[in-house]
Protein backbone atom coordinates (compact mmCIF):
# COMPACT_ATOMS: atom_id res chain seq x y z
CA UNK A 1 81.72 100.27 106.24
CA UNK A 2 79.65 97.33 106.66
CA UNK A 3 79.54 97.18 102.58
CA UNK A 4 83.13 97.73 102.61
CA UNK A 5 84.13 95.18 104.78
CA UNK A 6 81.55 92.76 103.48
CA UNK A 7 82.88 93.03 100.00
CA UNK A 8 86.98 93.46 100.76
CA UNK A 9 88.93 90.74 99.97
CA UNK A 10 91.37 91.85 102.93
CA UNK A 11 91.22 94.28 105.40
CA UNK A 12 94.74 96.29 106.19
CA UNK A 13 95.07 97.77 109.77
CA UNK A 14 97.93 98.98 112.18
CA UNK A 15 97.89 97.08 114.50
CA UNK A 16 97.12 93.80 116.03
CA UNK A 17 94.68 95.40 118.94
CA UNK A 18 92.65 97.23 116.09
CA UNK A 19 92.70 93.63 114.15
CA UNK A 20 90.99 92.08 117.06
CA UNK A 21 88.83 95.07 117.38
CA UNK A 22 87.63 94.79 113.64
CA UNK A 23 87.02 90.96 113.98
CA UNK A 24 84.96 91.53 117.15
CA UNK A 25 82.96 94.30 116.07
CA UNK A 26 82.50 93.00 112.33
CA UNK A 27 82.38 89.13 112.99
CA UNK A 28 85.03 89.01 109.86
CA UNK A 29 87.45 85.82 109.63
CA UNK A 30 90.60 86.49 111.04
CA UNK A 31 92.42 85.68 108.07
CA UNK A 32 90.66 88.36 106.29
CA UNK A 33 92.46 91.31 108.40
CA UNK A 34 96.06 91.96 107.68
CA UNK A 35 98.42 94.10 110.40
CA UNK A 36 100.87 96.37 108.38
CA UNK A 37 102.18 98.68 110.99
CA UNK A 38 102.97 102.46 110.19
CA UNK A 39 106.19 104.03 111.17
CA UNK A 40 107.52 107.45 112.44
CA UNK A 41 108.74 109.83 109.62
CA UNK A 42 112.35 109.84 108.60
CA UNK A 43 112.37 113.68 109.61
CA UNK A 44 112.22 112.37 113.40
CA UNK A 45 115.47 110.19 112.83
CA UNK A 46 117.60 113.28 111.56
CA UNK A 47 119.20 115.92 113.70
CA UNK A 48 119.40 119.51 112.67
CA UNK A 49 122.38 121.41 114.21
CA UNK A 50 122.19 122.37 117.76
CA UNK A 51 122.10 125.90 116.89
CA UNK A 52 119.13 125.58 114.55
CA UNK A 53 116.95 123.58 116.64
CA UNK A 54 117.86 125.79 119.69
CA UNK A 55 116.50 128.53 117.32
CA UNK A 56 113.48 126.70 116.65
CA UNK A 57 112.35 126.17 120.18
CA UNK A 58 113.09 129.55 120.97
CA UNK A 59 110.87 130.69 118.50
CA UNK A 60 107.96 128.92 120.16
CA UNK A 61 108.97 130.53 123.57
CA UNK A 62 110.12 127.16 124.84
CA UNK A 63 112.97 128.39 126.94
CA UNK A 64 112.65 126.46 130.10
CA UNK A 65 112.78 122.66 130.88
CA UNK A 66 109.53 120.99 129.66
CA UNK A 67 107.16 118.00 129.49
CA UNK A 68 105.66 117.13 126.26
CA UNK A 69 102.50 115.97 124.66
CA UNK A 70 101.78 115.66 120.95
CA UNK A 71 98.53 114.63 119.66
CA UNK A 72 94.82 115.90 118.76
CA UNK A 73 93.48 117.78 121.74
CA UNK A 74 90.20 116.06 122.56
CA UNK A 75 88.66 113.84 125.54
CA UNK A 76 89.93 110.32 124.37
CA UNK A 77 93.67 111.76 124.61
CA UNK A 78 93.09 112.30 128.39
CA UNK A 79 95.12 115.91 128.30
CA UNK A 80 93.27 116.87 131.27
CA UNK A 81 94.93 114.62 133.67
CA UNK A 82 98.14 115.04 132.14
CA UNK A 83 97.47 119.06 133.22
CA UNK A 84 96.44 117.54 136.75
CA UNK A 85 99.35 115.13 136.84
CA UNK A 86 101.76 118.64 136.08
CA UNK A 87 100.40 120.11 138.97
CA UNK A 88 101.21 117.42 141.16
CA UNK A 89 104.56 117.10 139.96
CA UNK A 90 105.45 120.78 139.92
CA UNK A 91 104.11 120.62 143.84
CA UNK A 92 106.85 117.85 144.26
CA UNK A 93 109.71 120.46 143.50
CA UNK A 94 110.16 120.49 139.60
CA UNK A 95 109.25 124.04 139.57
CA UNK A 96 111.42 124.61 136.68
CA UNK A 97 109.47 122.69 134.23
CA UNK A 98 106.90 123.86 131.95
CA UNK A 99 103.92 121.75 130.23
CA UNK A 100 103.92 121.85 126.32
CA UNK A 101 100.63 120.74 124.52
CA UNK A 102 101.07 120.19 120.67
CA UNK A 103 98.25 119.33 118.42
CA UNK A 104 95.39 120.18 116.45
CA UNK A 105 91.96 121.33 118.10
CA UNK A 106 89.25 118.50 118.33
CA UNK A 107 86.01 118.16 119.63
CA UNK A 108 85.39 118.67 123.15
CA UNK A 109 87.95 121.27 123.84
CA UNK A 110 86.07 123.53 125.99
CA UNK A 111 86.83 121.54 129.41
CA UNK A 112 90.46 121.18 128.27
CA UNK A 113 90.61 125.08 127.87
CA UNK A 114 88.47 125.76 131.12
CA UNK A 115 91.49 123.65 133.18
CA UNK A 116 94.04 125.45 131.94
CA UNK A 117 92.81 128.89 132.35
CA UNK A 118 91.78 127.82 135.69
CA UNK A 119 95.04 126.38 136.66
CA UNK A 120 97.28 128.09 139.16
CA UNK A 121 100.17 127.17 136.53
CA UNK A 122 98.42 128.44 133.48
CA UNK A 123 101.50 130.60 132.36
CA UNK A 124 103.59 127.55 132.63
CA UNK A 125 101.17 125.29 130.20
CA UNK A 126 101.76 126.21 126.77
CA UNK A 127 99.38 125.30 123.77
CA UNK A 128 101.12 125.30 120.73
CA UNK A 129 98.24 123.76 118.43
CA UNK A 130 99.44 122.67 114.81
CA UNK A 131 103.42 122.75 114.45
CA UNK A 132 104.90 121.39 111.00
CA UNK A 133 107.20 117.94 111.63
CA UNK A 134 110.47 120.23 110.61
CA UNK A 135 109.75 122.27 113.83
CA UNK A 136 108.15 119.02 115.68
CA UNK A 137 111.29 117.34 115.63
CA UNK A 138 113.36 120.14 117.53
CA UNK A 139 110.19 120.58 119.76
CA UNK A 140 110.55 116.52 120.62
CA UNK A 141 114.03 116.77 121.09
CA UNK A 142 114.05 119.61 123.68
CA UNK A 143 111.66 117.77 125.96
CA UNK A 144 113.13 116.05 129.12
CA UNK A 145 110.12 113.80 128.56
CA UNK A 146 107.13 112.76 126.49
CA UNK A 147 103.64 111.78 128.40
CA UNK A 148 101.06 110.08 126.34
CA UNK A 149 97.95 109.14 128.39
CA UNK A 150 95.31 108.24 125.59
CA UNK A 151 92.38 106.09 126.85
CA UNK A 152 92.05 104.91 123.51
CA UNK A 153 94.29 104.53 120.30
CA UNK A 154 94.13 102.20 117.29
CA UNK A 155 97.86 102.98 116.91
CA UNK A 156 100.53 105.40 118.61
CA UNK A 157 102.26 107.60 116.18
CA UNK A 158 103.47 110.25 118.60
CA UNK A 159 105.11 107.86 121.26
CA UNK A 160 106.98 106.30 118.27
CA UNK A 161 108.08 109.84 116.93
CA UNK A 162 109.28 110.90 120.33
CA UNK A 163 111.32 107.24 120.67
CA UNK A 164 112.67 108.03 117.30
CA UNK A 165 113.95 111.51 118.51
CA UNK A 166 115.66 109.87 121.45
CA UNK A 167 113.04 110.96 124.21
CA UNK A 168 111.97 109.05 127.21
CA UNK A 169 108.20 108.12 126.93
CA UNK A 170 105.81 107.72 129.66
CA UNK A 171 102.64 106.38 128.12
CA UNK A 172 99.23 105.06 128.99
CA UNK A 173 98.74 100.89 129.23
CA UNK A 174 95.58 101.13 127.20
CA UNK A 175 94.47 99.63 123.83
CA UNK A 176 97.34 99.50 121.05
CA UNK A 177 99.96 101.64 122.75
CA UNK A 178 101.87 98.83 124.56
CA UNK A 179 102.11 97.07 121.26
CA UNK A 180 103.83 100.28 119.77
CA UNK A 181 106.15 101.11 122.35
CA UNK A 182 107.04 97.39 123.61
CA UNK A 183 109.76 97.60 126.21
CA UNK A 184 110.82 101.23 124.76
CA UNK A 185 108.90 103.11 127.32
CA UNK A 186 107.34 103.45 130.83
CA UNK A 187 103.79 102.41 131.22
CA UNK A 188 101.03 103.90 133.72
CA UNK A 189 97.26 103.65 134.26
CA UNK A 190 96.03 106.98 132.32
CA UNK A 191 93.40 107.42 134.97
CA UNK A 192 95.45 107.35 137.98
CA UNK A 193 97.25 110.58 138.66
CA UNK A 194 99.32 109.20 141.49
CA UNK A 195 100.67 106.42 139.02
CA UNK A 196 101.32 109.14 136.34
CA UNK A 197 103.29 111.38 138.69
CA UNK A 198 105.46 108.48 140.40
CA UNK A 199 106.40 107.42 136.92
CA UNK A 200 107.18 110.69 135.39
CA UNK A 201 108.86 112.47 138.63
CA UNK A 202 111.75 109.90 138.41
CA UNK A 203 112.67 110.75 134.77
CA UNK A 204 113.00 114.40 135.72
CA UNK A 205 115.20 113.78 138.36
CA UNK A 206 117.60 111.39 137.16
CA UNK A 207 119.64 112.07 133.75
CA UNK A 208 120.78 108.58 133.72
CA UNK A 209 117.43 106.97 133.84
CA UNK A 210 116.32 109.38 131.09
CA UNK A 211 119.27 108.35 128.88
CA UNK A 212 118.82 104.64 129.66
CA UNK A 213 114.91 104.86 128.83
CA UNK A 214 115.37 107.02 125.62
CA UNK A 215 118.00 104.39 124.27
CA UNK A 216 115.51 101.86 125.06
CA UNK A 217 112.87 103.73 123.12
CA UNK A 218 115.16 104.37 120.32
CA UNK A 219 115.96 101.06 119.69
CA UNK A 220 112.50 100.08 119.67
CA UNK A 221 111.46 102.90 117.08
CA UNK A 222 114.19 101.49 114.75
CA UNK A 223 111.78 98.44 114.32
CA UNK A 224 109.30 100.39 112.32
CA UNK A 225 110.05 101.84 108.97
CA UNK A 226 108.17 102.72 105.72
CA UNK A 227 110.15 100.81 103.72
CA UNK A 228 109.23 97.70 105.59
CA UNK A 229 105.41 98.87 105.59
CA UNK A 230 105.56 99.62 101.75
CA UNK A 231 107.18 96.06 101.09
CA UNK A 232 104.48 94.24 103.22
CA UNK A 233 101.70 96.28 101.38
CA UNK A 234 103.19 95.51 97.89
CA UNK A 235 103.53 91.86 98.97
CA UNK A 236 99.98 91.99 99.95
CA UNK A 237 98.92 93.24 96.58
CA UNK A 238 101.12 90.92 94.96
CA UNK A 239 99.38 87.84 96.63
CA UNK A 240 95.81 88.96 95.90
CA UNK A 241 96.77 89.37 92.42
CA UNK A 242 98.13 85.73 92.18
CA UNK A 243 101.87 87.03 91.74
CA UNK A 244 104.71 85.64 93.16
CA UNK A 245 106.12 87.20 96.19
CA UNK A 246 109.58 88.82 94.58
CA UNK A 247 109.17 91.84 92.12
């Protein structure tokens, strides 16, 4: 990494947050680091028929209302606190809900597995692990709320995907996540169970509030596209080659 950073003419990263981290960690000039955001896959913006999506969810055993998390299952994703917040939400009367955790297994999984196994609500916590995007879009759209409590992120693809699917998001106020979500979601302190519970609960109780937040999120997600990101990348290549910006 030190060699690559020294010799690269430009460094491309996904967020202003990560740009600041690179500049601070490696002491490189600000103009050397270029931000080109990522975007949700177009799959998350297209609906299959309600019957097909219902059949997909049924295939994963998702037959009750649920709160959703998507992302690698590892400690920095803070999933154990989501499990704890789910207990609080359940105790406050949301007994019809399940918690669905979708993501590849990462490192440090034993603590999460132990927390789920010892939970009095373990029968209402579903670990789906990896899911193909075609199925994942239906799982997103079946959720009432998407919750993402990462302690650190260089970017935030799952919140963008959820917003593109029209699902209200409750997200961590840390790292790059506020930059991705903008005014399209609700922010929480990811270390404060009371704050998490207090922000998720109104969304579960109030359909109109869910709709309002989901619409804000959908419009925020439309600011990102791979077409824009590709055009920015091409423009950078042309600039580095001494060519005019126009193709």
